[in-house]
Amino acid sequence: MNNRNIVFLITVFIIGILCRFIYAETSMNIILSIELPDSLEIKACENIGDFNADGYDDLLVGVWGPSRPSGACQAAYLYYGGSQFDGIPDLEFKGD
């Protein structure tokens, strides 16, 4: 399967995290489309709080590939939150 043609759907349920925009006890779904090189796949997705101190929670996505059989992360993509989440990585961290 060619990963460049795969659209990764990540559904993130946020309850109370963005309470300044939504009512408590309401969930928010986010569909994030990421285009990755061949053989990489998403293995972790985590809300990491407000990484850049802008008042919005941010999202970290970790990807693994076959060159990391030990289970180490191949790359991580950081997405800054905001009033409109654009789905474009703001920072990329790549392993050796």
PDB file of N, CA and C in Angstrom:
ATOM      1  N   MET A   1       0.833  -1.169   0.000  1.00  0.00           N
ATOM      2  CA  MET A   1       0.000   0.000   0.000  1.00  0.00           C
ATOM      3  C   MET A   1       0.886   1.243   0.000  1.00  0.00           C
ATOM      4  N   ASN A   2       0.601   2.188  -0.853  1.00  0.00           N
ATOM      5  CA  ASN A   2       1.393   3.402  -0.981  1.00  0.00           C
ATOM      6  C   ASN A   2       0.887   4.439   0.014  1.00  0.00           C
ATOM      7  N   ASN A   3       1.735   4.769   0.991  1.00  0.00           N
ATOM      8  CA  ASN A   3       1.316   5.688   2.052  1.00  0.00           C
ATOM      9  C   ASN A   3       1.043   7.096   1.558  1.00  0.00           C
ATOM     10  N   ARG A   4       1.624   7.479   0.431  1.00  0.00           N
ATOM     11  CA  ARG A   4       1.370   8.830  -0.083  1.00  0.00           C
ATOM     12  C   ARG A   4      -0.068   8.999  -0.519  1.00  0.00           C
ATOM     13  N   ASN A   5      -0.737   7.894  -0.840  1.00  0.00           N
ATOM     14  CA  ASN A   5      -2.119   7.965  -1.299  1.00  0.00           C
ATOM     15  C   ASN A   5      -3.113   7.691  -0.185  1.00  0.00           C
ATOM     16  N   ILE A   6      -2.607   7.458   1.007  1.00  0.00           N
ATOM     17  CA  ILE A   6      -3.489   7.149   2.130  1.00  0.00           C
ATOM     18  C   ILE A   6      -3.804   8.423   2.886  1.00  0.00           C
ATOM     19  N   VAL A   7      -5.033   8.593   3.194  1.00  0.00           N
ATOM     20  CA  VAL A   7      -5.420   9.718   4.040  1.00  0.00           C
ATOM     21  C   VAL A   7      -5.632   9.162   5.434  1.00  0.00           C
ATOM     22  N   PHE A   8      -4.851   9.675   6.354  1.00  0.00           N
ATOM     23  CA  PHE A   8      -4.969   9.217   7.728  1.00  0.00           C
ATOM     24  C   PHE A   8      -6.047  10.034   8.425  1.00  0.00           C
ATOM     25  N   LEU A   9      -7.013   9.331   8.941  1.00  0.00           N
ATOM     26  CA  LEU A   9      -8.067  10.004   9.683  1.00  0.00           C
ATOM     27  C   LEU A   9      -7.790   9.828  11.163  1.00  0.00           C
ATOM     28  N   ILE A  10      -7.572  10.913  11.799  1.00  0.00           N
ATOM     29  CA  ILE A  10      -7.326  10.877  13.234  1.00  0.00           C
ATOM     30  C   ILE A  10      -8.471  11.617  13.898  1.00  0.00           C
ATOM     31  N   THR A  11      -9.207  10.914  14.688  1.00  0.00           N
ATOM     32  CA  THR A  11     -10.304  11.554  15.390  1.00  0.00           C
ATOM     33  C   THR A  11      -9.872  11.823  16.811  1.00  0.00           C
ATOM     34  N   VAL A  12      -9.882  13.072  17.153  1.00  0.00           N
ATOM     35  CA  VAL A  12      -9.467  13.481  18.485  1.00  0.00           C
ATOM     36  C   VAL A  12     -10.689  14.021  19.204  1.00  0.00           C
ATOM     37  N   PHE A  13     -11.051  13.384  20.308  1.00  0.00           N
ATOM     38  CA  PHE A  13     -12.188  13.853  21.094  1.00  0.00           C
ATOM     39  C   PHE A  13     -11.663  14.752  22.199  1.00  0.00           C
ATOM     40  N   ILE A  14     -12.141  15.959  22.205  1.00  0.00           N
ATOM     41  CA  ILE A  14     -11.682  16.927  23.188  1.00  0.00           C
ATOM     42  C   ILE A  14     -12.878  17.315  24.056  1.00  0.00           C
ATOM     43  N   ILE A  15     -12.801  17.012  25.333  1.00  0.00           N
ATOM     44  CA  ILE A  15     -13.871  17.369  26.253  1.00  0.00           C
ATOM     45  C   ILE A  15     -13.312  18.337  27.277  1.00  0.00           C
ATOM     46  N   GLY A  16     -13.766  19.517  27.241  1.00  0.00           N
ATOM     47  CA  GLY A  16     -13.338  20.508  28.204  1.00  0.00           C
ATOM     48  C   GLY A  16     -12.008  21.155  27.898  1.00  0.00           C
ATOM     49  N   ILE A  17     -11.229  20.625  26.955  1.00  0.00           N
ATOM     50  CA  ILE A  17      -9.917  21.183  26.646  1.00  0.00           C
ATOM     51  C   ILE A  17     -10.070  22.547  25.988  1.00  0.00           C
ATOM     52  N   LEU A  18     -11.002  22.637  25.073  1.00  0.00           N
ATOM     53  CA  LEU A  18     -11.244  23.905  24.396  1.00  0.00           C
ATOM     54  C   LEU A  18     -12.518  24.549  24.929  1.00  0.00           C
ATOM     55  N   CYS A  19     -12.716  24.503  26.238  1.00  0.00           N
ATOM     56  CA  CYS A  19     -13.974  24.953  26.828  1.00  0.00           C
ATOM     57  C   CYS A  19     -14.241  26.429  26.572  1.00  0.00           C
ATOM     58  N   ARG A  20     -13.250  27.203  26.209  1.00  0.00           N
ATOM     59  CA  ARG A  20     -13.504  28.605  25.889  1.00  0.00           C
ATOM     60  C   ARG A  20     -14.229  28.740  24.554  1.00  0.00           C
ATOM     61  N   PHE A  21     -14.255  27.650  23.747  1.00  0.00           N
ATOM     62  CA  PHE A  21     -14.947  27.682  22.459  1.00  0.00           C
ATOM     63  C   PHE A  21     -16.153  26.764  22.396  1.00  0.00           C
ATOM     64  N   ILE A  22     -16.151  25.708  23.193  1.00  0.00           N
ATOM     65  CA  ILE A  22     -17.259  24.757  23.177  1.00  0.00           C
ATOM     66  C   ILE A  22     -17.769  24.567  24.589  1.00  0.00           C
ATOM     67  N   TYR A  23     -18.963  24.078  24.706  1.00  0.00           N
ATOM     68  CA  TYR A  23     -19.545  23.844  26.017  1.00  0.00           C
ATOM     69  C   TYR A  23     -18.944  22.591  26.627  1.00  0.00           C
ATOM     70  N   ALA A  24     -18.909  22.544  27.935  1.00  0.00           N
ATOM     71  CA  ALA A  24     -18.425  21.347  28.635  1.00  0.00           C
ATOM     72  C   ALA A  24     -19.295  20.162  28.240  1.00  0.00           C
ATOM     73  N   GLU A  25     -18.732  18.986  28.271  1.00  0.00           N
ATOM     74  CA  GLU A  25     -19.413  17.740  27.915  1.00  0.00           C
ATOM     75  C   GLU A  25     -19.709  17.631  26.414  1.00  0.00           C
ATOM     76  N   THR A  26     -19.042  18.422  25.593  1.00  0.00           N
ATOM     77  CA  THR A  26     -19.192  18.338  24.143  1.00  0.00           C
ATOM     78  C   THR A  26     -17.870  17.857  23.572  1.00  0.00           C
ATOM     79  N   SER A  27     -17.929  16.985  22.591  1.00  0.00           N
ATOM     80  CA  SER A  27     -16.688  16.513  21.981  1.00  0.00           C
ATOM     81  C   SER A  27     -16.508  17.177  20.622  1.00  0.00           C
ATOM     82  N   MET A  28     -15.267  17.238  20.201  1.00  0.00           N
ATOM     83  CA  MET A  28     -14.931  17.857  18.923  1.00  0.00           C
ATOM     84  C   MET A  28     -14.127  16.851  18.112  1.00  0.00           C
ATOM     85  N   ASN A  29     -14.518  16.620  16.880  1.00  0.00           N
ATOM     86  CA  ASN A  29     -13.793  15.706  16.001  1.00  0.00           C
ATOM     87  C   ASN A  29     -12.927  16.510  15.050  1.00  0.00           C
ATOM     88  N   ILE A  30     -11.693  16.073  14.905  1.00  0.00           N
ATOM     89  CA  ILE A  30     -10.778  16.716  13.968  1.00  0.00           C
ATOM     90  C   ILE A  30     -10.307  15.652  12.993  1.00  0.00           C
ATOM     91  N   ILE A  31     -10.402  15.936  11.712  1.00  0.00           N
ATOM     92  CA  ILE A  31      -9.873  15.030  10.694  1.00  0.00           C
ATOM     93  C   ILE A  31      -8.583  15.656  10.184  1.00  0.00           C
ATOM     94  N   LEU A  32      -7.502  14.929  10.354  1.00  0.00           N
ATOM     95  CA  LEU A  32      -6.182  15.432   9.999  1.00  0.00           C
ATOM     96  C   LEU A  32      -5.637  14.582   8.861  1.00  0.00           C
ATOM     97  N   SER A  33      -5.349  15.194   7.732  1.00  0.00           N
ATOM     98  CA  SER A  33      -4.812  14.482   6.575  1.00  0.00           C
ATOM     99  C   SER A  33      -3.309  14.727   6.510  1.00  0.00           C
ATOM    100  N   ILE A  34      -2.541  13.639   6.574  1.00  0.00           N
ATOM    101  CA  ILE A  34      -1.088  13.740   6.556  1.00  0.00           C
ATOM    102  C   ILE A  34      -0.558  12.909   5.398  1.00  0.00           C
ATOM    103  N   GLU A  35       0.296  13.503   4.589  1.00  0.00           N
ATOM    104  CA  GLU A  35       0.922  12.768   3.495  1.00  0.00           C
ATOM    105  C   GLU A  35       2.328  12.384   3.930  1.00  0.00           C
ATOM    106  N   LEU A  36       2.590  11.086   4.002  1.00  0.00           N
ATOM    107  CA  LEU A  36       3.872  10.583   4.484  1.00  0.00           C
ATOM    108  C   LEU A  36       4.632   9.875   3.376  1.00  0.00           C
ATOM    109  N   PRO A  37       5.959   9.830   3.469  1.00  0.00           N
ATOM    110  CA  PRO A  37       6.740   9.031   2.526  1.00  0.00           C
ATOM    111  C   PRO A  37       6.365   7.550   2.637  1.00  0.00           C
ATOM    112  N   ASP A  38       6.730   6.785   1.621  1.00  0.00           N
ATOM    113  CA  ASP A  38       6.450   5.344   1.634  1.00  0.00           C
ATOM    114  C   ASP A  38       6.953   4.696   2.909  1.00  0.00           C
ATOM    115  N   SER A  39       6.240   3.721   3.376  1.00  0.00           N
ATOM    116  CA  SER A  39       6.601   2.830   4.480  1.00  0.00           C
ATOM    117  C   SER A  39       6.547   3.466   5.864  1.00  0.00           C
ATOM    118  N   LEU A  40       6.111   4.704   5.993  1.00  0.00           N
ATOM    119  CA  LEU A  40       5.931   5.289   7.319  1.00  0.00           C
ATOM    120  C   LEU A  40       4.465   5.188   7.714  1.00  0.00           C
ATOM    121  N   GLU A  41       4.214   5.013   8.992  1.00  0.00           N
ATOM    122  CA  GLU A  41       2.838   4.969   9.462  1.00  0.00           C
ATOM    123  C   GLU A  41       2.713   5.632  10.826  1.00  0.00           C
ATOM    124  N   ILE A  42       1.551   6.203  11.067  1.00  0.00           N
ATOM    125  CA  ILE A  42       1.302   6.871  12.339  1.00  0.00           C
ATOM    126  C   ILE A  42       1.140   5.826  13.430  1.00  0.00           C
ATOM    127  N   LYS A  43       1.862   6.003  14.523  1.00  0.00           N
ATOM    128  CA  LYS A  43       1.778   5.083  15.650  1.00  0.00           C
ATOM    129  C   LYS A  43       1.331   5.765  16.930  1.00  0.00           C
ATOM    130  N   ALA A  44       1.417   7.078  16.980  1.00  0.00           N
ATOM    131  CA  ALA A  44       1.032   7.772  18.207  1.00  0.00           C
ATOM    132  C   ALA A  44       0.501   9.154  17.871  1.00  0.00           C
ATOM    133  N   CYS A  45      -0.486   9.562  18.621  1.00  0.00           N
ATOM    134  CA  CYS A  45      -1.068  10.886  18.477  1.00  0.00           C
ATOM    135  C   CYS A  45      -1.437  11.351  19.877  1.00  0.00           C
ATOM    136  N   GLU A  46      -0.944  12.500  20.276  1.00  0.00           N
ATOM    137  CA  GLU A  46      -1.132  12.909  21.671  1.00  0.00           C
ATOM    138  C   GLU A  46      -1.342  14.413  21.782  1.00  0.00           C
ATOM    139  N   ASN A  47      -2.319  14.791  22.585  1.00  0.00           N
ATOM    140  CA  ASN A  47      -2.493  16.193  22.956  1.00  0.00           C
ATOM    141  C   ASN A  47      -1.397  16.497  23.964  1.00  0.00           C
ATOM    142  N   ILE A  48      -0.546  17.464  23.680  1.00  0.00           N
ATOM    143  CA  ILE A  48       0.584  17.753  24.574  1.00  0.00           C
ATOM    144  C   ILE A  48       0.406  19.054  25.338  1.00  0.00           C
ATOM    145  N   GLY A  49      -0.808  19.543  25.394  1.00  0.00           N
ATOM    146  CA  GLY A  49      -1.040  20.797  26.096  1.00  0.00           C
ATOM    147  C   GLY A  49      -0.634  21.975  25.228  1.00  0.00           C
ATOM    148  N   ASP A  50      -0.388  23.098  25.844  1.00  0.00           N
ATOM    149  CA  ASP A  50      -0.066  24.326  25.123  1.00  0.00           C
ATOM    150  C   ASP A  50       1.450  24.470  24.981  1.00  0.00           C
ATOM    151  N   PHE A  51       2.035  23.800  24.005  1.00  0.00           N
ATOM    152  CA  PHE A  51       3.484  23.757  23.800  1.00  0.00           C
ATOM    153  C   PHE A  51       4.079  25.137  23.531  1.00  0.00           C
ATOM    154  N   ASN A  52       3.411  25.936  22.708  1.00  0.00           N
ATOM    155  CA  ASN A  52       3.968  27.235  22.311  1.00  0.00           C
ATOM    156  C   ASN A  52       3.372  28.414  23.084  1.00  0.00           C
ATOM    157  N   ALA A  53       2.660  28.138  24.159  1.00  0.00           N
ATOM    158  CA  ALA A  53       2.126  29.165  25.072  1.00  0.00           C
ATOM    159  C   ALA A  53       1.279  30.227  24.372  1.00  0.00           C
ATOM    160  N   ASP A  54       0.437  29.796  23.407  1.00  0.00           N
ATOM    161  CA  ASP A  54      -0.444  30.744  22.727  1.00  0.00           C
ATOM    162  C   ASP A  54      -1.884  30.661  23.223  1.00  0.00           C
ATOM    163  N   GLY A  55      -2.123  29.805  24.219  1.00  0.00           N
ATOM    164  CA  GLY A  55      -3.471  29.665  24.761  1.00  0.00           C
ATOM    165  C   GLY A  55      -4.278  28.545  24.137  1.00  0.00           C
ATOM    166  N   TYR A  56      -3.710  27.808  23.178  1.00  0.00           N
ATOM    167  CA  TYR A  56      -4.389  26.699  22.516  1.00  0.00           C
ATOM    168  C   TYR A  56      -3.590  25.419  22.729  1.00  0.00           C
ATOM    169  N   ASP A  57      -4.286  24.307  22.909  1.00  0.00           N
ATOM    170  CA  ASP A  57      -3.604  23.024  23.038  1.00  0.00           C
ATOM    171  C   ASP A  57      -3.052  22.592  21.685  1.00  0.00           C
ATOM    172  N   ASP A  58      -1.941  21.872  21.710  1.00  0.00           N
ATOM    173  CA  ASP A  58      -1.246  21.450  20.503  1.00  0.00           C
ATOM    174  C   ASP A  58      -1.245  19.925  20.397  1.00  0.00           C
ATOM    175  N   LEU A  59      -0.957  19.417  19.199  1.00  0.00           N
ATOM    176  CA  LEU A  59      -1.030  17.990  18.912  1.00  0.00           C
ATOM    177  C   LEU A  59       0.316  17.496  18.401  1.00  0.00           C
ATOM    178  N   LEU A  60       0.789  16.359  18.931  1.00  0.00           N
ATOM    179  CA  LEU A  60       2.033  15.741  18.483  1.00  0.00           C
ATOM    180  C   LEU A  60       1.703  14.387  17.869  1.00  0.00           C
ATOM    181  N   VAL A  61       2.182  14.152  16.636  1.00  0.00           N
ATOM    182  CA  VAL A  61       1.939  12.902  15.918  1.00  0.00           C
ATOM    183  C   VAL A  61       3.284  12.229  15.682  1.00  0.00           C
ATOM    184  N   GLY A  62       3.432  10.975  16.131  1.00  0.00           N
ATOM    185  CA  GLY A  62       4.658  10.213  15.935  1.00  0.00           C
ATOM    186  C   GLY A  62       4.487   9.185  14.834  1.00  0.00           C
ATOM    187  N   VAL A  63       5.492   9.059  13.965  1.00  0.00           N
ATOM    188  CA  VAL A  63       5.444   8.074  12.876  1.00  0.00           C
ATOM    189  C   VAL A  63       6.658   7.152  12.957  1.00  0.00           C
ATOM    190  N   TRP A  64       6.445   5.910  12.566  1.00  0.00           N
ATOM    191  CA  TRP A  64       7.490   4.895  12.580  1.00  0.00           C
ATOM    192  C   TRP A  64       7.644   4.332  11.182  1.00  0.00           C
ATOM    193  N   GLY A  65       8.822   3.781  10.921  1.00  0.00           N
ATOM    194  CA  GLY A  65       9.085   3.135   9.646  1.00  0.00           C
ATOM    195  C   GLY A  65       9.878   1.863   9.850  1.00  0.00           C
ATOM    196  N   PRO A  66      10.124   1.113   8.787  1.00  0.00           N
ATOM    197  CA  PRO A  66      10.827  -0.164   8.904  1.00  0.00           C
ATOM    198  C   PRO A  66      12.284  -0.029   9.332  1.00  0.00           C
ATOM    199  N   SER A  67      12.858   1.164   9.198  1.00  0.00           N
ATOM    200  CA  SER A  67      14.258   1.323   9.598  1.00  0.00           C
ATOM    201  C   SER A  67      14.408   1.464  11.110  1.00  0.00           C
ATOM    202  N   ARG A  68      13.313   1.414  11.840  1.00  0.00           N
ATOM    203  CA  ARG A  68      13.331   1.523  13.302  1.00  0.00           C
ATOM    204  C   ARG A  68      12.705   0.277  13.929  1.00  0.00           C
ATOM    205  N   PRO A  69      13.305  -0.884  13.731  1.00  0.00           N
ATOM    206  CA  PRO A  69      12.700  -2.109  14.269  1.00  0.00           C
ATOM    207  C   PRO A  69      12.657  -2.138  15.790  1.00  0.00           C
ATOM    208  N   SER A  70      13.479  -1.327  16.434  1.00  0.00           N
ATOM    209  CA  SER A  70      13.500  -1.326  17.897  1.00  0.00           C
ATOM    210  C   SER A  70      12.286  -0.628  18.483  1.00  0.00           C
ATOM    211  N   GLY A  71      11.493  -0.008  17.650  1.00  0.00           N
ATOM    212  CA  GLY A  71      10.326   0.705  18.135  1.00  0.00           C
ATOM    213  C   GLY A  71      10.567   2.184  18.360  1.00  0.00           C
ATOM    214  N   ALA A  72      11.758   2.671  18.004  1.00  0.00           N
ATOM    215  CA  ALA A  72      12.050   4.092  18.162  1.00  0.00           C
ATOM    216  C   ALA A  72      11.281   4.899  17.115  1.00  0.00           C
ATOM    217  N   CYS A  73      10.967   6.109  17.451  1.00  0.00           N
ATOM    218  CA  CYS A  73      10.200   6.983  16.569  1.00  0.00           C
ATOM    219  C   CYS A  73      11.047   7.426  15.371  1.00  0.00           C
ATOM    220  N   GLN A  74      10.491   7.363  14.179  1.00  0.00           N
ATOM    221  CA  GLN A  74      11.159   7.811  12.954  1.00  0.00           C
ATOM    222  C   GLN A  74      11.085   9.333  12.832  1.00  0.00           C
ATOM    223  N   ALA A  75       9.922   9.892  13.116  1.00  0.00           N
ATOM    224  CA  ALA A  75       9.719  11.341  13.036  1.00  0.00           C
ATOM    225  C   ALA A  75       8.518  11.713  13.886  1.00  0.00           C
ATOM    226  N   ALA A  76       8.466  12.973  14.273  1.00  0.00           N
ATOM    227  CA  ALA A  76       7.316  13.492  15.013  1.00  0.00           C
ATOM    228  C   ALA A  76       6.935  14.830  14.398  1.00  0.00           C
ATOM    229  N   TYR A  77       5.649  15.060  14.312  1.00  0.00           N
ATOM    230  CA  TYR A  77       5.130  16.290  13.736  1.00  0.00           C
ATOM    231  C   TYR A  77       4.305  17.009  14.789  1.00  0.00           C
ATOM    232  N   LEU A  78       4.598  18.287  14.986  1.00  0.00           N
ATOM    233  CA  LEU A  78       3.890  19.093  15.969  1.00  0.00           C
ATOM    234  C   LEU A  78       2.950  20.046  15.241  1.00  0.00           C
ATOM    235  N   TYR A  79       1.693  20.011  15.645  1.00  0.00           N
ATOM    236  CA  TYR A  79       0.662  20.874  15.073  1.00  0.00           C
ATOM    237  C   TYR A  79       0.205  21.842  16.147  1.00  0.00           C
ATOM    238  N   TYR A  80       0.366  23.144  15.893  1.00  0.00           N
ATOM    239  CA  TYR A  80      -0.099  24.139  16.846  1.00  0.00           C
ATOM    240  C   TYR A  80      -1.616  24.252  16.750  1.00  0.00           C
ATOM    241  N   GLY A  81      -2.257  24.289  17.904  1.00  0.00           N
ATOM    242  CA  GLY A  81      -3.699  24.493  17.941  1.00  0.00           C
ATOM    243  C   GLY A  81      -4.023  25.951  17.666  1.00  0.00           C
ATOM    244  N   GLY A  82      -5.281  26.227  17.459  1.00  0.00           N
ATOM    245  CA  GLY A  82      -5.718  27.592  17.210  1.00  0.00           C
ATOM    246  C   GLY A  82      -7.217  27.634  17.048  1.00  0.00           C
ATOM    247  N   SER A  83      -7.755  28.810  16.784  1.00  0.00           N
ATOM    248  CA  SER A  83      -9.197  28.919  16.596  1.00  0.00           C
ATOM    249  C   SER A  83      -9.634  28.130  15.368  1.00  0.00           C
ATOM    250  N   GLN A  84      -8.736  27.971  14.392  1.00  0.00           N
ATOM    251  CA  GLN A  84      -8.973  27.106  13.238  1.00  0.00           C
ATOM    252  C   GLN A  84      -7.750  26.219  13.063  1.00  0.00           C
ATOM    253  N   PHE A  85      -7.921  24.937  13.311  1.00  0.00           N
ATOM    254  CA  PHE A  85      -6.828  23.969  13.217  1.00  0.00           C
ATOM    255  C   PHE A  85      -6.594  23.650  11.748  1.00  0.00           C
ATOM    256  N   ASP A  86      -5.409  23.983  11.188  1.00  0.00           N
ATOM    257  CA  ASP A  86      -5.181  23.849   9.752  1.00  0.00           C
ATOM    258  C   ASP A  86      -4.648  22.494   9.307  1.00  0.00           C
ATOM    259  N   GLY A  87      -4.149  21.660  10.209  1.00  0.00           N
ATOM    260  CA  GLY A  87      -3.659  20.343   9.828  1.00  0.00           C
ATOM    261  C   GLY A  87      -2.306  20.347   9.142  1.00  0.00           C
ATOM    262  N   ILE A  88      -1.610  21.473   9.133  1.00  0.00           N
ATOM    263  CA  ILE A  88      -0.269  21.563   8.544  1.00  0.00           C
ATOM    264  C   ILE A  88       0.741  21.544   9.683  1.00  0.00           C
ATOM    265  N   PRO A  89       1.733  20.629   9.651  1.00  0.00           N
ATOM    266  CA  PRO A  89       2.684  20.573  10.765  1.00  0.00           C
ATOM    267  C   PRO A  89       3.482  21.870  10.886  1.00  0.00           C
ATOM    268  N   ASP A  90       3.586  22.351  12.117  1.00  0.00           N
ATOM    269  CA  ASP A  90       4.338  23.576  12.370  1.00  0.00           C
ATOM    270  C   ASP A  90       5.801  23.290  12.669  1.00  0.00           C
ATOM    271  N   LEU A  91       6.086  22.132  13.233  1.00  0.00           N
ATOM    272  CA  LEU A  91       7.461  21.702  13.489  1.00  0.00           C
ATOM    273  C   LEU A  91       7.597  20.235  13.135  1.00  0.00           C
ATOM    274  N   GLU A  92       8.768  19.850  12.618  1.00  0.00           N
ATOM    275  CA  GLU A  92       9.070  18.449  12.319  1.00  0.00           C
ATOM    276  C   GLU A  92      10.325  18.056  13.079  1.00  0.00           C
ATOM    277  N   PHE A  93      10.262  16.899  13.724  1.00  0.00           N
ATOM    278  CA  PHE A  93      11.414  16.352  14.432  1.00  0.00           C
ATOM    279  C   PHE A  93      11.723  15.011  13.789  1.00  0.00           C
ATOM    280  N   LYS A  94      12.935  14.850  13.250  1.00  0.00           N
ATOM    281  CA  LYS A  94      13.288  13.609  12.563  1.00  0.00           C
ATOM    282  C   LYS A  94      14.453  12.943  13.257  1.00  0.00           C
ATOM    283  N   GLY A  95      14.364  11.616  13.391  1.00  0.00           N
ATOM    284  CA  GLY A  95      15.429  10.842  14.009  1.00  0.00           C
ATOM    285  C   GLY A  95      16.544  10.543  13.024  1.00  0.00           C
ATOM    286  N   ASP A  96      17.642  10.013  13.539  1.00  0.00           N
ATOM    287  CA  ASP A  96      18.781   9.650  12.689  1.00  0.00           C
ATOM    288  C   ASP A  96      18.490   8.408  11.897  1.00  0.00           C
TER     289      ASP A  96
END
